[in-house]
Amino acid sequence: MRDVVIAATFAVGLTDAFFMAFTIPNALRVLFGEGAASGAFVPVLTEAREKEGTERAATVFGGLVRVMVPVLGVVTVLGVLLAGPLVYAYASGFDPQRFDLTVQMTRWVFPYIFLMGVAALVTAALHSRKSFTAPALSPALLNVALVLACLLMVPLLDSLGLPTWYALASGVLVGGALQVLAQWPTLRRLGFGLTAAGSHRDPYVRKAMRLLLPLLASLGVYQLNVIFARQFASHLGRGPVSWLWYAQRLVEIPQGMFALAIASAALPSLSEIVSRGDREEALALFRATLRMTLFVAIPSTVALGALALPIVAVLFGRGEFSPSDVQETAYGLVFQAAGIWAVASVRTVVPMFHAHNDTSTQVAASATNLVVFAALSWLLMDSMRHAGLTLAISLAALAQLGVLLALLRRRTGRLGLGRVVGAAARMGVASAVMGVLLIALTASRPWLSDALAPTQLGLLGAAVVLGGLVYLGVAHVLGVEEASTFTHGVLRRVRRRR
């Protein structure tokens, strides 16, 4: 909904600047926020609680706050001061007007990294106690803030003769603050506090920092990937930055909403099992987590590829978002959707390293992703334009997954993935049957000219429902265990409600 409202309110020239500006603190958020929280802080907090109790974990959390808050403050100040060079690093291909606008926006939204860094610290504490609801729901508040800012502030700013993009900047900052506040009550209830006693000299805090440094190197390699993608897109003229952003939002639904959620839920349990030294149980949980991820990711890959044009047209085809914008976004989405299953699998494999307090081995896999992506982007962007970049993203993720699995096998021994591969093949067959149905239902319809007609909306909704049912039905017939687990879980919940 956030991106639907933004696309309808602002032309792609302005959204190119905003999405580029928002990308820069977002990149650092991944480094100092979610990446640090999941890779370094959750395993250490879990270990402290397992070995020395809840109060000791709260003290460790206080020490982490005392280290990270000053770091986040310094990074924020430097980002505001160095906005010009940062934008040049990401978008040297922008024309002077878009470049200057991006620099202004970057200065406004950069404090978001401070707010998100604090929110990630809180999330780490909650995840270490297996509390997932508040951290999972709080990011929605950023979307709520941006939607309300567009709907309420844009008309007001326009009437006052002020730049309407101030609404976007304000929505980002308010949304960041709300994500911290939304998790606060749960944090206090579990015995943690941002003002808790703690020290940077605490051995657990030092261990977390030792884990963090190689993790930052690994994530830093990934951020070079982001820089390359934005740089390449900035040289392709007006629109590609926005088209790539909207396509990325759609693939992040299965990659972020499901795969990342599954991985986040599994990490504390993996950390506990590994700390007990039970290798076989850890591998069994890893395999189950990977199969669950693929059960969602493989049909998502096929469905988003098959329905790329209808989905983009229905979601974004209004207001300032032209039919040409719809077509170009769908073109990029097809090739980015092809890598959903690989990216989702990467996000499931990485926590296995984190559970072993290993944040350095994955640097090689991230470097592989970077090299493959840069090389393929350079080769493909002339002929395929922005779709060449999305295809490069998918193929680079596949290369990264292969390296990660090889490195994990070297660390833990045989992974026992034979049944996972067999299940994935059956999921692929079920997804292919679903994909044929989706294309047959939607391919000949006038999505560019009449996407919002009731008949078109009804057809897309029916296609999604029928496609899901066909996938589940064929998966059942082929003996995919996750299909039975999913169906039985839904039926149990329905019976409870009755």
Protein backbone atom coordinates (compact mmCIF):
# COMPACT_ATOMS: atom_id res chain seq x y z
CA MET A 1 0.00 0.00 0.00
CA ARG A 2 2.87 2.34 0.77
CA ASP A 3 4.37 1.99 -2.68
CA VAL A 4 0.98 2.10 -4.38
CA VAL A 5 0.32 5.50 -2.79
CA ILE A 6 3.83 6.81 -3.53
CA ALA A 7 3.66 5.67 -7.18
CA ALA A 8 0.29 7.36 -7.67
CA THR A 9 1.35 10.58 -5.94
CA PHE A 10 4.82 11.25 -7.38
CA ALA A 11 6.22 10.96 -10.91
CA VAL A 12 9.11 8.52 -11.43
CA GLY A 13 11.62 11.37 -11.81
CA LEU A 14 11.04 12.42 -8.19
CA THR A 15 10.76 8.88 -6.89
CA ASP A 16 14.09 8.07 -8.55
CA ALA A 17 15.63 10.70 -6.24
CA PHE A 18 13.71 9.59 -3.13
CA PHE A 19 14.36 5.88 -3.52
CA MET A 20 18.04 6.57 -4.13
CA ALA A 21 18.20 8.81 -1.05
CA PHE A 22 16.36 6.23 1.06
CA THR A 23 18.65 3.44 -0.21
CA ILE A 24 21.74 5.02 1.39
CA PRO A 25 20.65 4.97 5.09
CA ASN A 26 18.87 1.69 4.35
CA ALA A 27 22.20 0.19 3.31
CA LEU A 28 23.74 1.21 6.63
CA ARG A 29 20.63 -0.04 8.43
CA VAL A 30 21.38 -3.50 7.07
CA LEU A 31 24.98 -3.18 8.31
CA PHE A 32 24.36 -1.74 11.78
CA GLY A 33 20.76 -2.84 12.22
CA GLU A 34 19.27 -6.17 11.16
CA GLY A 35 22.60 -7.68 10.12
CA ALA A 36 24.30 -6.89 13.42
CA ALA A 37 21.23 -7.91 15.40
CA SER A 38 20.72 -11.33 13.81
CA GLY A 39 24.34 -12.25 13.20
CA ALA A 40 26.14 -10.99 16.31
CA PHE A 41 23.70 -9.94 19.02
CA VAL A 42 21.00 -12.66 19.08
CA PRO A 43 23.46 -15.60 19.47
CA VAL A 44 25.43 -13.77 22.20
CA LEU A 45 22.33 -12.71 24.14
CA THR A 46 20.96 -16.25 23.82
CA GLU A 47 24.24 -17.71 25.08
CA ALA A 48 24.36 -15.31 28.05
CA ARG A 49 20.79 -16.20 29.05
CA GLU A 50 21.34 -19.96 28.60
CA LYS A 51 24.51 -20.01 30.68
CA GLU A 52 23.99 -17.25 33.27
CA GLY A 53 20.31 -16.33 33.35
CA THR A 54 17.95 -13.58 32.23
CA GLU A 55 19.40 -10.80 34.40
CA ARG A 56 22.85 -11.42 32.96
CA ALA A 57 21.45 -11.17 29.42
CA ALA A 58 19.85 -7.83 30.34
CA THR A 59 23.25 -6.54 31.50
CA VAL A 60 24.85 -7.66 28.24
CA PHE A 61 22.10 -5.83 26.35
CA GLY A 62 22.87 -2.68 28.32
CA GLY A 63 26.53 -2.97 27.30
CA LEU A 64 25.56 -3.38 23.64
CA VAL A 65 23.44 -0.23 23.86
CA ARG A 66 26.38 1.72 25.30
CA VAL A 67 28.58 0.66 22.41
CA MET A 68 26.15 0.92 19.49
CA VAL A 69 24.25 4.15 20.26
CA PRO A 70 27.37 6.39 20.04
CA VAL A 71 28.44 4.57 16.86
CA LEU A 72 25.03 5.14 15.31
CA GLY A 73 25.15 8.80 16.32
CA VAL A 74 28.54 9.34 14.65
CA VAL A 75 27.42 7.52 11.48
CA THR A 76 24.30 9.70 11.31
CA VAL A 77 26.23 12.96 11.62
CA LEU A 78 28.78 11.87 9.01
CA GLY A 79 26.01 10.83 6.65
CA VAL A 80 24.34 14.24 6.84
CA LEU A 81 27.65 16.06 6.32
CA LEU A 82 28.85 13.81 3.49
CA ALA A 83 25.55 13.46 1.63
CA GLY A 84 27.03 14.79 -1.63
CA PRO A 85 29.88 12.27 -1.94
CA LEU A 86 27.56 9.46 -0.82
CA VAL A 87 25.03 10.25 -3.53
CA TYR A 88 27.80 10.41 -6.12
CA ALA A 89 28.94 6.93 -5.03
CA TYR A 90 25.43 5.58 -5.65
CA ALA A 91 24.12 7.72 -8.52
CA SER A 92 26.81 9.45 -10.54
CA GLY A 93 24.65 9.01 -13.64
CA PHE A 94 21.89 11.34 -12.43
CA ASP A 95 21.45 14.65 -14.23
CA PRO A 96 22.35 17.75 -12.10
CA GLN A 97 18.74 18.48 -11.07
CA ARG A 98 18.01 14.95 -9.85
CA PHE A 99 21.44 14.74 -8.22
CA ASP A 100 20.91 17.92 -6.17
CA LEU A 101 17.42 16.81 -5.17
CA THR A 102 18.77 13.42 -4.07
CA VAL A 103 21.44 15.12 -1.91
CA GLN A 104 18.78 17.24 -0.17
CA MET A 105 16.58 14.22 0.46
CA THR A 106 19.53 12.18 1.75
CA ARG A 107 20.29 14.81 4.42
CA TRP A 108 16.67 14.72 5.55
CA VAL A 109 16.25 10.96 5.75
CA PHE A 110 19.70 9.98 7.03
CA PRO A 111 18.74 10.09 10.76
CA TYR A 112 16.59 7.07 9.91
CA ILE A 113 19.73 4.93 10.35
CA PHE A 114 19.99 5.99 14.01
CA LEU A 115 16.36 5.13 14.70
CA MET A 116 16.57 1.81 12.87
CA GLY A 117 19.82 0.89 14.62
CA VAL A 118 18.14 1.33 17.99
CA ALA A 119 15.09 -0.58 16.76
CA ALA A 120 17.36 -3.43 15.65
CA LEU A 121 18.99 -3.57 19.09
CA VAL A 122 15.56 -3.93 20.64
CA THR A 123 14.62 -6.58 18.06
CA ALA A 124 17.75 -8.58 18.91
CA ALA A 125 16.79 -8.61 22.59
CA LEU A 126 13.24 -9.73 21.82
CA HIS A 127 14.35 -12.42 19.34
CA SER A 128 16.79 -13.80 21.91
CA ARG A 129 13.74 -14.42 24.12
CA LYS A 130 11.77 -15.86 21.16
CA SER A 131 9.39 -12.91 21.16
CA PHE A 132 8.59 -12.23 17.50
CA THR A 133 5.23 -10.45 17.32
CA ALA A 134 6.27 -6.86 18.13
CA PRO A 135 9.43 -6.97 15.96
CA ALA A 136 7.45 -8.49 13.07
CA LEU A 137 4.64 -5.93 13.18
CA SER A 138 6.59 -2.76 13.99
CA PRO A 139 8.04 -2.24 10.45
CA ALA A 140 4.47 -1.80 9.22
CA LEU A 141 4.41 1.51 11.10
CA LEU A 142 6.93 2.96 8.62
CA ASN A 143 4.47 2.13 5.85
CA VAL A 144 1.56 3.63 7.77
CA ALA A 145 3.55 6.83 8.39
CA LEU A 146 4.48 7.18 4.70
CA VAL A 147 0.95 6.50 3.48
CA LEU A 148 -0.53 9.09 5.85
CA ALA A 149 2.22 11.56 4.96
CA CYS A 150 1.38 11.25 1.25
CA LEU A 151 -2.37 11.48 1.77
CA LEU A 152 -2.40 14.27 4.37
CA MET A 153 0.81 16.28 4.00
CA VAL A 154 1.19 16.46 0.22
CA PRO A 155 -2.00 18.55 -0.34
CA LEU A 156 -1.02 20.81 2.57
CA LEU A 157 2.55 21.33 1.34
CA ASP A 158 1.29 21.93 -2.18
CA SER A 159 -1.12 24.61 -0.97
CA LEU A 160 1.70 26.32 0.93
CA GLY A 161 4.00 26.26 -2.10
CA LEU A 162 6.53 23.95 -0.37
CA PRO A 163 8.24 20.92 -1.96
CA THR A 164 5.91 17.95 -1.62
CA TRP A 165 8.80 15.53 -1.06
CA TYR A 166 9.04 16.86 2.50
CA ALA A 167 6.10 14.54 3.16
CA LEU A 168 8.21 11.51 2.22
CA ALA A 169 11.13 12.61 4.40
CA SER A 170 8.84 13.29 7.36
CA GLY A 171 7.10 9.93 6.94
CA VAL A 172 10.44 8.09 7.02
CA LEU A 173 11.56 9.75 10.27
CA VAL A 174 8.21 9.36 12.03
CA GLY A 175 8.01 5.73 10.91
CA GLY A 176 11.50 5.02 12.25
CA ALA A 177 10.64 6.47 15.66
CA LEU A 178 7.40 4.49 15.82
CA GLN A 179 9.27 1.23 15.22
CA VAL A 180 11.27 1.82 18.40
CA LEU A 181 8.26 2.88 20.47
CA ALA A 182 6.12 -0.06 19.32
CA GLN A 183 8.60 -2.60 20.72
CA TRP A 184 9.27 -0.73 23.97
CA PRO A 185 6.48 -2.29 26.14
CA THR A 186 7.52 -5.85 25.21
CA LEU A 187 11.17 -4.99 25.84
CA ARG A 188 10.39 -3.77 29.36
CA ARG A 189 8.11 -6.73 30.09
CA LEU A 190 10.94 -9.15 29.27
CA GLY A 191 13.34 -7.40 31.65
CA PHE A 192 15.45 -5.43 29.15
CA GLY A 193 15.93 -1.67 28.99
CA LEU A 194 17.82 0.83 26.85
CA THR A 195 19.11 2.43 30.07
CA ALA A 196 20.07 -0.88 31.73
CA ALA A 197 23.44 -1.19 33.44
CA GLY A 198 26.18 -2.58 31.27
CA SER A 199 29.73 -2.05 30.10
CA HIS A 200 31.63 -2.16 26.83
CA ARG A 201 34.23 -4.23 28.71
CA ASP A 202 31.75 -7.05 29.34
CA PRO A 203 33.21 -10.27 27.81
CA TYR A 204 29.92 -11.03 26.07
CA VAL A 205 29.82 -7.52 24.57
CA ARG A 206 33.39 -7.95 23.37
CA LYS A 207 32.46 -11.28 21.83
CA ALA A 208 29.53 -9.65 20.04
CA MET A 209 31.86 -6.97 18.66
CA ARG A 210 34.31 -9.63 17.47
CA LEU A 211 31.46 -11.36 15.66
CA LEU A 212 30.25 -8.04 14.28
CA LEU A 213 33.45 -7.02 12.49
CA PRO A 214 33.61 -9.91 9.97
CA LEU A 215 29.84 -9.71 9.64
CA LEU A 216 30.16 -6.05 8.62
CA ALA A 217 32.73 -7.12 6.04
CA SER A 218 30.32 -9.70 4.62
CA LEU A 219 27.38 -7.30 4.56
CA GLY A 220 29.67 -4.58 3.23
CA VAL A 221 30.35 -6.76 0.20
CA TYR A 222 26.60 -7.06 -0.29
CA GLN A 223 26.24 -3.28 -0.06
CA LEU A 224 28.82 -2.91 -2.81
CA ASN A 225 26.38 -4.99 -4.82
CA VAL A 226 23.64 -2.46 -4.03
CA ILE A 227 25.94 0.41 -5.03
CA PHE A 228 26.70 -1.27 -8.36
CA ALA A 229 22.98 -1.84 -9.01
CA ARG A 230 22.07 1.79 -8.25
CA GLN A 231 25.04 3.12 -10.23
CA PHE A 232 24.16 1.07 -13.29
CA ALA A 233 20.49 2.09 -13.03
CA SER A 234 21.37 5.80 -12.62
CA HIS A 235 23.04 5.72 -16.06
CA LEU A 236 19.95 4.31 -17.80
CA GLY A 237 17.94 7.56 -17.76
CA ARG A 238 14.67 8.52 -16.09
CA GLY A 239 12.72 5.70 -14.46
CA PRO A 240 14.92 2.60 -13.95
CA VAL A 241 15.68 3.36 -10.29
CA SER A 242 11.95 3.50 -9.53
CA TRP A 243 11.08 0.51 -11.72
CA LEU A 244 13.71 -1.58 -9.93
CA TRP A 245 12.48 -0.38 -6.54
CA TYR A 246 8.86 -1.37 -7.20
CA ALA A 247 9.91 -4.76 -8.58
CA GLN A 248 12.11 -5.32 -5.53
CA ARG A 249 9.19 -4.52 -3.19
CA LEU A 250 7.11 -7.25 -4.80
CA VAL A 251 9.80 -9.94 -4.57
CA GLU A 252 10.45 -8.90 -0.97
CA ILE A 253 6.97 -10.14 -0.02
CA PRO A 254 8.00 -13.82 -0.20
CA GLN A 255 11.69 -13.10 0.48
CA GLY A 256 11.11 -10.81 3.45
CA MET A 257 7.68 -11.58 4.81
CA PHE A 258 8.11 -15.36 4.76
CA ALA A 259 11.74 -16.44 4.26
CA LEU A 260 13.24 -13.86 6.59
CA ALA A 261 10.53 -14.50 9.17
CA ILE A 262 11.18 -18.24 9.09
CA ALA A 263 14.93 -17.70 9.40
CA SER A 264 14.51 -15.20 12.26
CA ALA A 265 12.27 -17.62 14.15
CA ALA A 266 14.72 -20.49 13.65
CA LEU A 267 17.91 -18.63 14.71
CA PRO A 268 17.35 -18.61 18.52
CA SER A 269 16.48 -22.32 18.48
CA LEU A 270 19.49 -23.10 16.30
CA SER A 271 21.71 -21.10 18.68
CA GLU A 272 20.39 -23.02 21.69
CA ILE A 273 20.86 -26.42 20.00
CA VAL A 274 24.36 -25.58 18.80
CA SER A 275 25.33 -24.32 22.26
CA ARG A 276 24.30 -27.75 23.60
CA GLY A 277 26.51 -29.42 20.98
CA ASP A 278 23.71 -31.42 19.31
CA ARG A 279 24.87 -31.42 15.67
CA GLU A 280 22.20 -33.79 14.30
CA GLU A 281 19.29 -31.89 15.83
CA ALA A 282 20.68 -28.60 14.49
CA LEU A 283 20.95 -30.06 10.97
CA ALA A 284 17.44 -31.52 11.21
CA LEU A 285 16.03 -28.11 12.15
CA PHE A 286 18.06 -26.49 9.35
CA ARG A 287 16.67 -28.92 6.75
CA ALA A 288 13.10 -28.42 8.00
CA THR A 289 13.54 -24.64 7.86
CA LEU A 290 14.94 -24.79 4.33
CA ARG A 291 12.08 -26.98 3.12
CA MET A 292 9.53 -24.65 4.68
CA THR A 293 11.17 -21.69 2.96
CA LEU A 294 11.19 -23.40 -0.43
CA PHE A 295 7.54 -24.41 0.00
CA VAL A 296 6.69 -20.70 -0.13
CA ALA A 297 9.52 -19.41 -2.33
CA ILE A 298 9.26 -21.77 -5.32
CA PRO A 299 5.57 -21.06 -6.09
CA SER A 300 6.21 -17.37 -5.41
CA THR A 301 8.93 -17.45 -8.08
CA VAL A 302 6.55 -18.91 -10.64
CA ALA A 303 3.48 -16.86 -9.67
CA LEU A 304 5.21 -13.46 -9.71
CA GLY A 305 6.81 -14.29 -13.06
CA ALA A 306 3.53 -15.42 -14.59
CA LEU A 307 1.48 -12.54 -13.17
CA ALA A 308 4.09 -9.78 -13.42
CA LEU A 309 2.14 -7.51 -15.77
CA PRO A 310 -1.31 -7.96 -14.15
CA ILE A 311 0.06 -7.42 -10.63
CA VAL A 312 2.08 -4.32 -11.52
CA ALA A 313 -0.83 -2.87 -13.53
CA VAL A 314 -3.37 -3.40 -10.73
CA LEU A 315 -1.08 -2.18 -7.93
CA PHE A 316 0.64 0.78 -9.55
CA GLY A 317 -1.19 1.64 -12.80
CA ARG A 318 -2.83 4.89 -11.69
CA GLY A 319 -2.09 8.56 -11.09
CA GLU A 320 1.47 9.52 -12.03
CA PHE A 321 2.45 5.93 -12.88
CA SER A 322 2.00 5.60 -16.66
CA PRO A 323 1.33 2.46 -18.77
CA SER A 324 4.95 2.66 -19.92
CA ASP A 325 6.07 2.60 -16.27
CA VAL A 326 3.85 -0.45 -15.70
CA GLN A 327 5.34 -2.30 -18.65
CA GLU A 328 8.94 -1.54 -17.72
CA THR A 329 8.44 -2.51 -14.06
CA ALA A 330 6.82 -5.82 -15.08
CA TYR A 331 9.68 -6.48 -17.52
CA GLY A 332 12.22 -6.19 -14.72
CA LEU A 333 10.03 -8.12 -12.27
CA VAL A 334 9.93 -11.26 -14.43
CA PHE A 335 13.69 -11.71 -14.21
CA GLN A 336 13.96 -10.69 -10.57
CA ALA A 337 11.19 -13.11 -9.61
CA ALA A 338 13.28 -15.91 -11.10
CA GLY A 339 15.70 -15.61 -8.18
CA ILE A 340 13.21 -15.48 -5.32
CA TRP A 341 13.83 -19.09 -4.30
CA ALA A 342 17.62 -18.60 -4.36
CA VAL A 343 17.58 -15.38 -2.30
CA ALA A 344 15.12 -16.93 0.18
CA SER A 345 17.37 -19.98 0.53
CA VAL A 346 20.42 -17.79 1.15
CA ARG A 347 18.53 -16.05 3.96
CA THR A 348 17.77 -19.47 5.45
CA VAL A 349 21.33 -20.85 5.20
CA VAL A 350 23.10 -17.81 6.71
CA PRO A 351 21.58 -18.21 10.24
CA MET A 352 23.20 -21.66 10.42
CA PHE A 353 26.59 -19.93 10.39
CA HIS A 354 25.41 -17.32 12.89
CA ALA A 355 24.23 -20.05 15.27
CA HIS A 356 27.83 -21.34 15.28
CA ASN A 357 29.09 -17.82 16.12
CA ASP A 358 30.65 -17.77 12.64
CA THR A 359 30.20 -14.46 10.82
CA SER A 360 33.37 -14.54 8.71
CA THR A 361 33.02 -17.63 6.50
CA GLN A 362 30.11 -16.18 4.54
CA VAL A 363 32.28 -13.28 3.30
CA ALA A 364 33.50 -15.53 0.47
CA ALA A 365 29.91 -16.26 -0.59
CA SER A 366 29.03 -12.56 -0.52
CA ALA A 367 32.12 -11.78 -2.59
CA THR A 368 31.02 -14.38 -5.13
CA ASN A 369 27.63 -12.69 -5.37
CA LEU A 370 29.30 -9.31 -5.94
CA VAL A 371 31.65 -10.53 -8.69
CA VAL A 372 28.94 -12.46 -10.55
CA PHE A 373 26.46 -9.59 -10.28
CA ALA A 374 28.90 -6.91 -11.48
CA ALA A 375 30.10 -9.01 -14.41
CA LEU A 376 26.61 -10.04 -15.56
CA SER A 377 25.21 -6.51 -15.13
CA TRP A 378 27.99 -5.13 -17.30
CA LEU A 379 27.28 -7.76 -19.97
CA LEU A 380 23.47 -7.59 -19.92
CA MET A 381 22.47 -3.97 -19.30
CA ASP A 382 23.16 -2.79 -22.86
CA SER A 383 20.82 -5.35 -24.42
CA MET A 384 18.27 -5.78 -21.60
CA ARG A 385 18.57 -2.40 -19.84
CA HIS A 386 17.21 -2.55 -16.26
CA ALA A 387 15.97 -6.13 -16.74
CA GLY A 388 19.60 -7.13 -17.24
CA LEU A 389 20.26 -5.88 -13.70
CA THR A 390 17.39 -7.91 -12.24
CA LEU A 391 18.53 -11.06 -14.08
CA ALA A 392 22.05 -10.48 -12.75
CA ILE A 393 20.63 -10.22 -9.20
CA SER A 394 18.92 -13.61 -9.56
CA LEU A 395 21.94 -15.41 -11.04
CA ALA A 396 24.31 -13.89 -8.48
CA ALA A 397 22.07 -15.14 -5.64
CA LEU A 398 22.19 -18.64 -7.14
CA ALA A 399 26.00 -18.52 -7.18
CA GLN A 400 26.05 -17.28 -3.59
CA LEU A 401 23.76 -20.11 -2.47
CA GLY A 402 26.05 -22.71 -4.02
CA VAL A 403 29.11 -21.31 -2.25
CA LEU A 404 27.27 -21.05 1.10
CA LEU A 405 26.14 -24.69 0.99
CA ALA A 406 29.65 -25.83 0.09
CA LEU A 407 31.14 -23.85 2.99
CA LEU A 408 28.47 -25.09 5.41
CA ARG A 409 29.15 -28.70 4.41
CA ARG A 410 32.84 -28.18 5.06
CA ARG A 411 32.00 -26.86 8.53
CA THR A 412 29.34 -29.35 9.67
CA GLY A 413 29.88 -32.40 7.46
CA ARG A 414 27.17 -33.94 5.29
CA LEU A 415 24.06 -31.78 5.27
CA GLY A 416 21.66 -34.53 4.24
CA LEU A 417 19.93 -32.40 1.60
CA GLY A 418 18.78 -35.29 -0.58
CA ARG A 419 15.20 -35.20 0.73
CA VAL A 420 15.18 -31.39 0.54
CA VAL A 421 16.14 -31.52 -3.16
CA GLY A 422 13.51 -34.19 -3.82
CA ALA A 423 10.82 -32.14 -2.08
CA ALA A 424 11.92 -29.00 -3.96
CA ALA A 425 11.58 -30.86 -7.28
CA ARG A 426 8.01 -31.86 -6.41
CA MET A 427 7.26 -28.29 -5.34
CA GLY A 428 8.65 -27.18 -8.72
CA VAL A 429 6.31 -29.51 -10.61
CA ALA A 430 3.31 -28.27 -8.61
CA SER A 431 4.39 -24.67 -9.24
CA ALA A 432 4.74 -25.29 -12.98
CA VAL A 433 1.18 -26.61 -13.18
CA MET A 434 0.02 -23.52 -11.29
CA GLY A 435 2.02 -21.24 -13.63
CA VAL A 436 0.39 -22.70 -16.76
CA LEU A 437 -3.04 -22.04 -15.25
CA LEU A 438 -2.15 -18.45 -14.30
CA ILE A 439 -0.87 -17.62 -17.79
CA ALA A 440 -3.90 -19.22 -19.43
CA LEU A 441 -6.26 -17.14 -17.29
CA THR A 442 -4.56 -13.76 -17.65
CA ALA A 443 -2.34 -13.59 -20.74
CA SER A 444 -4.85 -12.20 -23.23
CA ARG A 445 -6.43 -9.51 -21.04
CA PRO A 446 -5.94 -5.71 -21.58
CA TRP A 447 -3.92 -5.00 -18.44
CA LEU A 448 -2.26 -1.82 -19.69
CA SER A 449 -5.50 -0.08 -20.64
CA ASP A 450 -8.14 -1.48 -18.30
CA ALA A 451 -6.44 -3.04 -15.27
CA LEU A 452 -8.73 -1.44 -12.68
CA ALA A 453 -12.03 -2.57 -14.24
CA PRO A 454 -14.04 -4.76 -11.81
CA THR A 455 -13.85 -7.72 -14.20
CA GLN A 456 -10.07 -7.44 -14.39
CA LEU A 457 -9.69 -7.15 -10.63
CA GLY A 458 -11.99 -10.12 -10.14
CA LEU A 459 -10.04 -12.16 -12.68
CA LEU A 460 -6.70 -11.44 -10.98
CA GLY A 461 -8.13 -12.29 -7.57
CA ALA A 462 -9.64 -15.52 -8.89
CA ALA A 463 -6.35 -16.43 -10.59
CA VAL A 464 -4.40 -15.96 -7.36
CA VAL A 465 -6.86 -18.08 -5.34
CA LEU A 466 -7.15 -20.81 -7.97
CA GLY A 467 -3.40 -20.85 -8.49
CA GLY A 468 -2.80 -21.30 -4.77
CA LEU A 469 -5.35 -24.10 -4.54
CA VAL A 470 -3.91 -25.87 -7.58
CA TYR A 471 -0.40 -25.64 -6.13
CA LEU A 472 -1.54 -27.08 -2.80
CA GLY A 473 -3.57 -29.80 -4.50
CA VAL A 474 -0.79 -30.97 -6.81
CA ALA A 475 1.73 -30.76 -3.95
CA HIS A 476 -0.56 -33.00 -1.85
CA VAL A 477 -0.80 -35.52 -4.68
CA LEU A 478 2.99 -35.53 -5.08
CA GLY A 479 3.51 -36.13 -1.37
CA VAL A 480 4.97 -32.78 -0.29
CA GLU A 481 4.85 -32.94 3.52
CA GLU A 482 4.68 -29.15 3.94
CA ALA A 483 1.42 -29.04 1.97
CA SER A 484 -0.18 -31.42 4.47
CA THR A 485 1.27 -29.51 7.41
CA PHE A 486 -0.06 -26.22 6.03
CA THR A 487 -3.52 -27.60 5.29
CA HIS A 488 -3.87 -29.31 8.67
CA GLY A 489 -2.75 -26.12 10.42
CA VAL A 490 -5.39 -24.06 8.62
CA LEU A 491 -8.11 -26.62 9.35
CA ARG A 492 -7.16 -26.75 13.06
CA ARG A 493 -7.43 -22.96 13.30
CA VAL A 494 -10.81 -22.97 11.54
CA ARG A 495 -12.11 -25.61 13.97
CA ARG A 496 -10.84 -23.60 16.97
CA ARG A 497 -12.65 -20.49 15.73
CA ARG A 498 -15.86 -22.47 15.32
